[in-house]
Amino acid sequence: MTEFSFDLLPVRPADFAPTLGPTVVVAPHPDDESLGCGGLLALLRRADVPVHAVLVSDGTMSHPHSVKFPPAARQALREMELREALTLLGVDTDDLLLLGLPDSAVPGPEQQGFAEAVATLRAYLQRVQPATVLVPWRRDPHPDHRATSQLVAAAIEGLPIQRVEYVVWAWERAALEDLPQPGEAIGWRLDIDSVLPQKQVAIAAHRSQLAPGIIDDDPTGFLLSEQMLAHFAQPFEVYLES
C-alpha cells in the first residue's frame, strides 16, 4: 500500500464539471475515456458543454495473436466500440481524431512519430479551441499513458488550455513514486453519482475488453478484471491538476 490515497481527496459537486468549459478528452486506447472520465464527459454533455475526443493508439494489441481478428479487424472493432461508448456519453464522434499510433509503442519525445503526432494534435486543438484537455495522469503506470501525457504536454505548450489528468492504471499498479508528490498536483474527486449508470453502459460498450470477450482465439489476450472494473463503479472520479 502507498501513503497517498485517491479515496481521501476532497469531493467537488457535479455542477463543477461545466466550469471546465469546452473539453477535449485524449484517450491512449479505446475504453480509457469511459473508465477514467466517462462520468465527467456525461456531466459536460448534460450541461451542453462541447466535448471532442482524440484516440492516440490503434488499439490492436489487446489480442495480438488472434487469427480471426487480424490487426485491421481489431482496430476497426475497437474504434467501433469507442464510437459507441462516446455516443452513449453524449459525445458526437463526427470530429473524432484518430492518431493511429502503435498500441503498446506510442512514441515519446525523441522517438519516431512523436513530432508528427504533436503537430497533428496541436492543429486539432487550435481548430476546436477547448478550454480543457483531459489526459491520463503523467505517471499512470502504462507506457502508452505516459507517452500520451508527454504528447499532450508538447501539443498544448503556449496554448491557453488547462490540462486535467485522470487516473486509470494508477488505481492498481502505481508505485509510490508514480503517485503525486507533495506540491506537484491538486487532486480532487468529482461526484458522478447522477451519471454513474450512463458511465457503466459506456464501459460495457467495450465488449472486446470485458469477459467473456469477443476475440476468443487468443489465450494471451487482455480482458479487464473485475477487480480493476470495481474502481470505475464508484460514484466519483479522480482528477489531478498542476
C-alpha atoms as a PDB file:
ATOM      1  CA  MET A   1       0.000   0.000   0.000  1.00  0.00           C
ATOM      2  CA  THR A   2       1.088   3.569  -0.615  1.00  0.00           C
ATOM      3  CA  GLU A   3       0.652   6.563   1.658  1.00  0.00           C
ATOM      4  CA  PHE A   4      -1.228   8.556  -0.975  1.00  0.00           C
ATOM      5  CA  SER A   5      -4.940   7.727  -1.198  1.00  0.00           C
ATOM      6  CA  PHE A   6      -7.271   8.770  -4.000  1.00  0.00           C
ATOM      7  CA  ASP A   7     -10.176   7.951  -1.687  1.00  0.00           C
ATOM      8  CA  LEU A   8      -9.234  10.771   0.687  1.00  0.00           C
ATOM      9  CA  LEU A   9      -9.214  13.565  -1.893  1.00  0.00           C
ATOM     10  CA  PRO A  10     -11.833  16.320  -1.472  1.00  0.00           C
ATOM     11  CA  VAL A  11     -15.077  15.974  -3.420  1.00  0.00           C
ATOM     12  CA  ARG A  12     -16.311  18.536  -5.913  1.00  0.00           C
ATOM     13  CA  PRO A  13     -20.016  18.535  -6.821  1.00  0.00           C
ATOM     14  CA  ALA A  14     -21.358  17.504 -10.200  1.00  0.00           C
ATOM     15  CA  ASP A  15     -22.122  21.110 -11.093  1.00  0.00           C
ATOM     16  CA  PHE A  16     -18.389  21.844 -11.029  1.00  0.00           C
ATOM     17  CA  ALA A  17     -17.981  19.922 -14.298  1.00  0.00           C
ATOM     18  CA  PRO A  18     -19.336  22.624 -16.654  1.00  0.00           C
ATOM     19  CA  THR A  19     -16.854  25.154 -15.254  1.00  0.00           C
ATOM     20  CA  LEU A  20     -14.136  23.299 -17.164  1.00  0.00           C
ATOM     21  CA  GLY A  21     -15.623  24.667 -20.378  1.00  0.00           C
ATOM     22  CA  PRO A  22     -15.268  23.128 -23.855  1.00  0.00           C
ATOM     23  CA  THR A  23     -13.221  19.974 -23.416  1.00  0.00           C
ATOM     24  CA  VAL A  24     -11.127  17.541 -25.432  1.00  0.00           C
ATOM     25  CA  VAL A  25     -10.613  14.075 -23.971  1.00  0.00           C
ATOM     26  CA  VAL A  26      -7.440  12.294 -25.083  1.00  0.00           C
ATOM     27  CA  ALA A  27      -7.549   8.502 -24.720  1.00  0.00           C
ATOM     28  CA  PRO A  28      -4.469   6.317 -25.241  1.00  0.00           C
ATOM     29  CA  HIS A  29      -6.730   3.339 -26.005  1.00  0.00           C
ATOM     30  CA  PRO A  30     -10.436   2.801 -26.588  1.00  0.00           C
ATOM     31  CA  ASP A  31     -12.004   2.393 -23.101  1.00  0.00           C
ATOM     32  CA  ASP A  32      -9.708   4.845 -21.277  1.00  0.00           C
ATOM     33  CA  GLU A  33     -12.205   7.637 -21.986  1.00  0.00           C
ATOM     34  CA  SER A  34     -15.037   5.710 -20.327  1.00  0.00           C
ATOM     35  CA  LEU A  35     -13.024   4.260 -17.444  1.00  0.00           C
ATOM     36  CA  GLY A  36     -11.111   7.365 -16.461  1.00  0.00           C
ATOM     37  CA  CYS A  37     -13.539  10.175 -17.179  1.00  0.00           C
ATOM     38  CA  GLY A  38     -16.824   8.816 -18.535  1.00  0.00           C
ATOM     39  CA  GLY A  39     -18.748  10.456 -15.716  1.00  0.00           C
ATOM     40  CA  LEU A  40     -17.216  13.865 -16.364  1.00  0.00           C
ATOM     41  CA  LEU A  41     -17.917  13.566 -20.089  1.00  0.00           C
ATOM     42  CA  ALA A  42     -21.557  12.722 -19.378  1.00  0.00           C
ATOM     43  CA  LEU A  43     -21.881  15.675 -16.992  1.00  0.00           C
ATOM     44  CA  LEU A  44     -20.336  18.038 -19.531  1.00  0.00           C
ATOM     45  CA  ARG A  45     -22.699  16.932 -22.263  1.00  0.00           C
ATOM     46  CA  ARG A  46     -25.698  17.057 -19.916  1.00  0.00           C
ATOM     47  CA  ALA A  47     -24.817  20.732 -19.456  1.00  0.00           C
ATOM     48  CA  ASP A  48     -24.448  21.177 -23.253  1.00  0.00           C
ATOM     49  CA  VAL A  49     -20.712  21.823 -22.960  1.00  0.00           C
ATOM     50  CA  PRO A  50     -18.900  20.904 -26.210  1.00  0.00           C
ATOM     51  CA  VAL A  51     -16.718  17.798 -25.984  1.00  0.00           C
ATOM     52  CA  HIS A  52     -14.344  16.407 -28.603  1.00  0.00           C
ATOM     53  CA  ALA A  53     -12.314  13.206 -28.453  1.00  0.00           C
ATOM     54  CA  VAL A  54      -8.883  12.024 -29.568  1.00  0.00           C
ATOM     55  CA  LEU A  55      -7.760   8.390 -29.773  1.00  0.00           C
ATOM     56  CA  VAL A  56      -3.988   8.063 -29.646  1.00  0.00           C
ATOM     57  CA  SER A  57      -3.228   4.401 -30.405  1.00  0.00           C
ATOM     58  CA  ASP A  58      -4.636   1.945 -32.924  1.00  0.00           C
ATOM     59  CA  GLY A  59      -5.827  -0.334 -30.102  1.00  0.00           C
ATOM     60  CA  THR A  60      -4.649  -3.540 -31.753  1.00  0.00           C
ATOM     61  CA  MET A  61      -2.522  -5.134 -29.037  1.00  0.00           C
ATOM     62  CA  SER A  62      -5.103  -6.379 -26.551  1.00  0.00           C
ATOM     63  CA  HIS A  63      -5.270  -9.654 -28.512  1.00  0.00           C
ATOM     64  CA  PRO A  64      -2.098  -9.666 -30.625  1.00  0.00           C
ATOM     65  CA  HIS A  65      -2.207 -13.369 -31.552  1.00  0.00           C
ATOM     66  CA  SER A  66      -5.766 -13.544 -32.839  1.00  0.00           C
ATOM     67  CA  VAL A  67      -6.175 -15.060 -36.296  1.00  0.00           C
ATOM     68  CA  LYS A  68      -9.920 -14.470 -36.519  1.00  0.00           C
ATOM     69  CA  PHE A  69      -9.292 -10.787 -35.868  1.00  0.00           C
ATOM     70  CA  PRO A  70      -6.119  -9.662 -37.649  1.00  0.00           C
ATOM     71  CA  PRO A  71      -4.758  -6.200 -36.814  1.00  0.00           C
ATOM     72  CA  ALA A  72      -7.001  -4.260 -39.194  1.00  0.00           C
ATOM     73  CA  ALA A  73     -10.086  -6.037 -37.861  1.00  0.00           C
ATOM     74  CA  ARG A  74      -9.047  -5.433 -34.246  1.00  0.00           C
ATOM     75  CA  GLN A  75      -8.501  -1.772 -34.988  1.00  0.00           C
ATOM     76  CA  ALA A  76     -11.906  -1.448 -36.646  1.00  0.00           C
ATOM     77  CA  LEU A  77     -13.633  -3.297 -33.799  1.00  0.00           C
ATOM     78  CA  ARG A  78     -12.107  -1.148 -31.108  1.00  0.00           C
ATOM     79  CA  GLU A  79     -12.822   2.063 -32.990  1.00  0.00           C
ATOM     80  CA  MET A  80     -16.445   0.976 -33.341  1.00  0.00           C
ATOM     81  CA  GLU A  81     -16.629   0.300 -29.599  1.00  0.00           C
ATOM     82  CA  LEU A  82     -15.113   3.707 -28.857  1.00  0.00           C
ATOM     83  CA  ARG A  83     -17.620   5.484 -31.069  1.00  0.00           C
ATOM     84  CA  GLU A  84     -20.479   3.627 -29.400  1.00  0.00           C
ATOM     85  CA  ALA A  85     -19.202   4.465 -25.911  1.00  0.00           C
ATOM     86  CA  LEU A  86     -18.742   8.145 -26.736  1.00  0.00           C
ATOM     87  CA  THR A  87     -22.217   8.309 -28.246  1.00  0.00           C
ATOM     88  CA  LEU A  88     -23.664   6.792 -25.075  1.00  0.00           C
ATOM     89  CA  LEU A  89     -21.911   9.531 -23.105  1.00  0.00           C
ATOM     90  CA  GLY A  90     -23.433  12.161 -25.373  1.00  0.00           C
ATOM     91  CA  VAL A  91     -20.240  12.946 -27.289  1.00  0.00           C
ATOM     92  CA  ASP A  92     -20.509  13.456 -31.058  1.00  0.00           C
ATOM     93  CA  THR A  93     -17.943  11.320 -32.883  1.00  0.00           C
ATOM     94  CA  ASP A  94     -18.095  13.018 -36.287  1.00  0.00           C
ATOM     95  CA  ASP A  95     -14.964  15.002 -35.405  1.00  0.00           C
ATOM     96  CA  LEU A  96     -13.127  12.197 -33.593  1.00  0.00           C
ATOM     97  CA  LEU A  97      -9.368  12.476 -34.172  1.00  0.00           C
ATOM     98  CA  LEU A  98      -7.616   9.132 -34.709  1.00  0.00           C
ATOM     99  CA  LEU A  99      -3.838   9.467 -34.414  1.00  0.00           C
ATOM    100  CA  GLY A 100      -3.333   5.759 -35.188  1.00  0.00           C
ATOM    101  CA  LEU A 101      -0.075   5.358 -33.269  1.00  0.00           C
ATOM    102  CA  PRO A 102       1.094   1.804 -32.500  1.00  0.00           C
ATOM    103  CA  ASP A 103      -0.604   0.261 -29.478  1.00  0.00           C
ATOM    104  CA  SER A 104       1.925  -0.590 -26.739  1.00  0.00           C
ATOM    105  CA  ALA A 105       4.519   1.545 -28.552  1.00  0.00           C
ATOM    106  CA  VAL A 106       3.116   5.087 -28.553  1.00  0.00           C
ATOM    107  CA  PRO A 107       6.248   7.172 -29.168  1.00  0.00           C
ATOM    108  CA  GLY A 108       7.703   9.505 -26.599  1.00  0.00           C
ATOM    109  CA  PRO A 109       9.932  12.529 -27.174  1.00  0.00           C
ATOM    110  CA  GLU A 110      12.892  11.868 -29.467  1.00  0.00           C
ATOM    111  CA  GLN A 111      11.164   8.789 -30.917  1.00  0.00           C
ATOM    112  CA  GLN A 112       9.960   8.449 -34.486  1.00  0.00           C
ATOM    113  CA  GLY A 113       6.410   9.684 -34.974  1.00  0.00           C
ATOM    114  CA  PHE A 114       6.269  11.880 -31.862  1.00  0.00           C
ATOM    115  CA  ALA A 115       6.819  15.259 -33.536  1.00  0.00           C
ATOM    116  CA  GLU A 116       4.309  14.491 -36.287  1.00  0.00           C
ATOM    117  CA  ALA A 117       1.700  13.415 -33.733  1.00  0.00           C
ATOM    118  CA  VAL A 118       2.318  16.577 -31.698  1.00  0.00           C
ATOM    119  CA  ALA A 119       1.795  18.724 -34.791  1.00  0.00           C
ATOM    120  CA  THR A 120      -1.414  16.893 -35.732  1.00  0.00           C
ATOM    121  CA  LEU A 121      -2.835  17.150 -32.224  1.00  0.00           C
ATOM    122  CA  ARG A 122      -1.841  20.796 -31.859  1.00  0.00           C
ATOM    123  CA  ALA A 123      -3.564  21.703 -35.130  1.00  0.00           C
ATOM    124  CA  TYR A 124      -6.705  19.890 -33.974  1.00  0.00           C
ATOM    125  CA  LEU A 125      -6.704  21.696 -30.643  1.00  0.00           C
ATOM    126  CA  GLN A 126      -6.193  25.050 -32.334  1.00  0.00           C
ATOM    127  CA  ARG A 127      -9.191  24.319 -34.525  1.00  0.00           C
ATOM    128  CA  VAL A 128     -11.653  23.127 -31.842  1.00  0.00           C
ATOM    129  CA  GLN A 129     -10.312  25.558 -29.195  1.00  0.00           C
ATOM    130  CA  PRO A 130     -11.016  23.734 -25.929  1.00  0.00           C
ATOM    131  CA  ALA A 131     -10.593  25.352 -22.542  1.00  0.00           C
ATOM    132  CA  THR A 132      -9.608  21.999 -21.002  1.00  0.00           C
ATOM    133  CA  VAL A 133      -7.890  18.845 -22.186  1.00  0.00           C
ATOM    134  CA  LEU A 134      -8.312  15.574 -20.279  1.00  0.00           C
ATOM    135  CA  VAL A 135      -5.281  13.295 -20.351  1.00  0.00           C
ATOM    136  CA  PRO A 136      -4.018  10.334 -18.309  1.00  0.00           C
ATOM    137  CA  TRP A 137      -2.017  11.113 -15.187  1.00  0.00           C
ATOM    138  CA  ARG A 138       1.576  11.742 -16.273  1.00  0.00           C
ATOM    139  CA  ARG A 139       2.899   8.689 -14.393  1.00  0.00           C
ATOM    140  CA  ASP A 140      -0.060   6.395 -14.889  1.00  0.00           C
ATOM    141  CA  PRO A 141       1.711   3.011 -14.935  1.00  0.00           C
ATOM    142  CA  HIS A 142       1.237   2.117 -18.598  1.00  0.00           C
ATOM    143  CA  PRO A 143       3.856   3.256 -21.128  1.00  0.00           C
ATOM    144  CA  ASP A 144       1.239   4.409 -23.646  1.00  0.00           C
ATOM    145  CA  HIS A 145      -0.445   6.529 -20.978  1.00  0.00           C
ATOM    146  CA  ARG A 146       2.831   8.193 -20.059  1.00  0.00           C
ATOM    147  CA  ALA A 147       3.687   8.798 -23.712  1.00  0.00           C
ATOM    148  CA  THR A 148       0.214  10.257 -24.244  1.00  0.00           C
ATOM    149  CA  SER A 149       0.789  12.668 -21.373  1.00  0.00           C
ATOM    150  CA  GLN A 150       4.059  13.791 -22.953  1.00  0.00           C
ATOM    151  CA  LEU A 151       2.375  14.140 -26.339  1.00  0.00           C
ATOM    152  CA  VAL A 152      -0.363  16.353 -24.936  1.00  0.00           C
ATOM    153  CA  ALA A 153       2.077  18.445 -22.904  1.00  0.00           C
ATOM    154  CA  ALA A 154       4.042  19.211 -26.069  1.00  0.00           C
ATOM    155  CA  ALA A 155       0.911  19.888 -28.132  1.00  0.00           C
ATOM    156  CA  ILE A 156      -0.580  22.423 -25.715  1.00  0.00           C
ATOM    157  CA  GLU A 157       2.658  24.281 -24.978  1.00  0.00           C
ATOM    158  CA  GLY A 158       1.939  28.000 -25.252  1.00  0.00           C
ATOM    159  CA  LEU A 159      -1.790  27.481 -25.820  1.00  0.00           C
ATOM    160  CA  PRO A 160      -4.418  28.739 -23.342  1.00  0.00           C
ATOM    161  CA  ILE A 161      -5.586  25.228 -22.472  1.00  0.00           C
ATOM    162  CA  GLN A 162      -5.899  23.778 -18.974  1.00  0.00           C
ATOM    163  CA  ARG A 163      -4.652  20.208 -18.539  1.00  0.00           C
ATOM    164  CA  VAL A 164      -6.660  17.997 -16.188  1.00  0.00           C
ATOM    165  CA  GLU A 165      -5.295  14.497 -15.601  1.00  0.00           C
ATOM    166  CA  TYR A 166      -7.393  11.397 -14.980  1.00  0.00           C
ATOM    167  CA  VAL A 167      -6.438   8.073 -13.426  1.00  0.00           C
ATOM    168  CA  VAL A 168      -6.692   4.593 -14.962  1.00  0.00           C
ATOM    169  CA  TRP A 169      -3.919   2.134 -14.077  1.00  0.00           C
ATOM    170  CA  ALA A 170      -2.648   4.072 -11.070  1.00  0.00           C
ATOM    171  CA  TRP A 171      -5.542   2.522  -9.136  1.00  0.00           C
ATOM    172  CA  GLU A 172      -3.927  -0.914  -9.469  1.00  0.00           C
ATOM    173  CA  ARG A 173      -0.263  -0.711 -10.356  1.00  0.00           C
ATOM    174  CA  ALA A 174       1.163   2.549  -9.060  1.00  0.00           C
ATOM    175  CA  ALA A 175       4.363   2.522  -7.062  1.00  0.00           C
ATOM    176  CA  LEU A 176       4.808   5.270  -4.517  1.00  0.00           C
ATOM    177  CA  GLU A 177       6.936   7.275  -6.927  1.00  0.00           C
ATOM    178  CA  ASP A 178       4.199   7.087  -9.581  1.00  0.00           C
ATOM    179  CA  LEU A 179       1.712   8.964  -7.405  1.00  0.00           C
ATOM    180  CA  PRO A 180       1.543  12.747  -6.974  1.00  0.00           C
ATOM    181  CA  GLN A 181       4.339  14.084  -4.829  1.00  0.00           C
ATOM    182  CA  PRO A 182       3.831  16.876  -2.264  1.00  0.00           C
ATOM    183  CA  GLY A 183       3.114  20.131  -4.066  1.00  0.00           C
ATOM    184  CA  GLU A 184       3.091  18.518  -7.510  1.00  0.00           C
ATOM    185  CA  ALA A 185      -0.636  18.486  -8.211  1.00  0.00           C
ATOM    186  CA  ILE A 186      -4.004  19.416  -6.768  1.00  0.00           C
ATOM    187  CA  GLY A 187      -6.194  16.341  -6.549  1.00  0.00           C
ATOM    188  CA  TRP A 188      -9.953  16.127  -6.266  1.00  0.00           C
ATOM    189  CA  ARG A 189     -12.809  13.721  -6.727  1.00  0.00           C
ATOM    190  CA  LEU A 190     -15.784  14.586  -8.897  1.00  0.00           C
ATOM    191  CA  ASP A 191     -19.238  13.446  -7.780  1.00  0.00           C
ATOM    192  CA  ILE A 192     -20.597  11.446 -10.731  1.00  0.00           C
ATOM    193  CA  ASP A 193     -23.341   9.571  -8.887  1.00  0.00           C
ATOM    194  CA  SER A 194     -26.089  11.069 -11.075  1.00  0.00           C
ATOM    195  CA  VAL A 195     -24.469   9.755 -14.279  1.00  0.00           C
ATOM    196  CA  LEU A 196     -22.851   6.565 -12.958  1.00  0.00           C
ATOM    197  CA  PRO A 197     -25.338   4.289 -14.803  1.00  0.00           C
ATOM    198  CA  GLN A 198     -24.511   6.130 -18.039  1.00  0.00           C
ATOM    199  CA  LYS A 199     -20.800   5.622 -17.421  1.00  0.00           C
ATOM    200  CA  GLN A 200     -21.311   1.910 -16.764  1.00  0.00           C
ATOM    201  CA  VAL A 201     -23.201   1.475 -20.030  1.00  0.00           C
ATOM    202  CA  ALA A 202     -20.376   3.241 -21.874  1.00  0.00           C
ATOM    203  CA  ILE A 203     -17.774   0.944 -20.295  1.00  0.00           C
ATOM    204  CA  ALA A 204     -19.897  -2.050 -21.302  1.00  0.00           C
ATOM    205  CA  ALA A 205     -19.747  -0.898 -24.929  1.00  0.00           C
ATOM    206  CA  HIS A 206     -16.104  -2.019 -24.974  1.00  0.00           C
ATOM    207  CA  ARG A 207     -17.175  -5.634 -25.289  1.00  0.00           C
ATOM    208  CA  SER A 208     -13.856  -6.892 -26.638  1.00  0.00           C
ATOM    209  CA  GLN A 209     -12.191  -5.866 -23.367  1.00  0.00           C
ATOM    210  CA  LEU A 210     -14.748  -7.400 -20.995  1.00  0.00           C
ATOM    211  CA  ALA A 211     -15.348 -11.040 -20.095  1.00  0.00           C
ATOM    212  CA  PRO A 212     -16.265 -13.232 -21.884  1.00  0.00           C
ATOM    213  CA  GLY A 213     -14.960 -11.052 -24.719  1.00  0.00           C
ATOM    214  CA  ILE A 214     -15.455 -11.166 -28.462  1.00  0.00           C
ATOM    215  CA  ILE A 215     -11.989 -12.242 -29.595  1.00  0.00           C
ATOM    216  CA  ASP A 216     -11.855 -15.853 -28.424  1.00  0.00           C
ATOM    217  CA  ASP A 217      -8.829 -17.271 -30.242  1.00  0.00           C
ATOM    218  CA  ASP A 218      -6.002 -15.608 -28.307  1.00  0.00           C
ATOM    219  CA  PRO A 219      -5.435 -17.179 -24.878  1.00  0.00           C
ATOM    220  CA  THR A 220      -2.922 -14.428 -24.085  1.00  0.00           C
ATOM    221  CA  GLY A 221      -5.460 -11.706 -24.834  1.00  0.00           C
ATOM    222  CA  PHE A 222      -6.258  -8.928 -22.390  1.00  0.00           C
ATOM    223  CA  LEU A 223      -9.542  -8.504 -20.538  1.00  0.00           C
ATOM    224  CA  LEU A 224     -10.305  -6.020 -17.777  1.00  0.00           C
ATOM    225  CA  SER A 225     -10.535  -7.827 -14.444  1.00  0.00           C
ATOM    226  CA  GLU A 226     -13.487  -7.482 -12.103  1.00  0.00           C
ATOM    227  CA  GLN A 227     -11.087  -6.045  -9.527  1.00  0.00           C
ATOM    228  CA  MET A 228      -9.976  -3.364 -11.968  1.00  0.00           C
ATOM    229  CA  LEU A 229     -13.526  -2.547 -13.063  1.00  0.00           C
ATOM    230  CA  ALA A 230     -14.619  -2.086  -9.451  1.00  0.00           C
ATOM    231  CA  HIS A 231     -12.579   1.117  -9.263  1.00  0.00           C
ATOM    232  CA  PHE A 232     -14.724   2.583 -12.021  1.00  0.00           C
ATOM    233  CA  ALA A 233     -18.043   1.597 -10.471  1.00  0.00           C
ATOM    234  CA  GLN A 234     -17.574   4.171  -7.718  1.00  0.00           C
ATOM    235  CA  PRO A 235     -19.727   7.330  -7.621  1.00  0.00           C
ATOM    236  CA  PHE A 236     -16.711   9.562  -8.141  1.00  0.00           C
ATOM    237  CA  GLU A 237     -13.764  10.047 -10.485  1.00  0.00           C
ATOM    238  CA  VAL A 238     -10.283  11.247  -9.551  1.00  0.00           C
ATOM    239  CA  TYR A 239      -8.646  14.225 -11.245  1.00  0.00           C
ATOM    240  CA  LEU A 240      -5.304  15.959 -10.813  1.00  0.00           C
ATOM    241  CA  GLU A 241      -4.304  19.485 -11.815  1.00  0.00           C
ATOM    242  CA  SER A 242      -0.954  21.239 -11.746  1.00  0.00           C
END
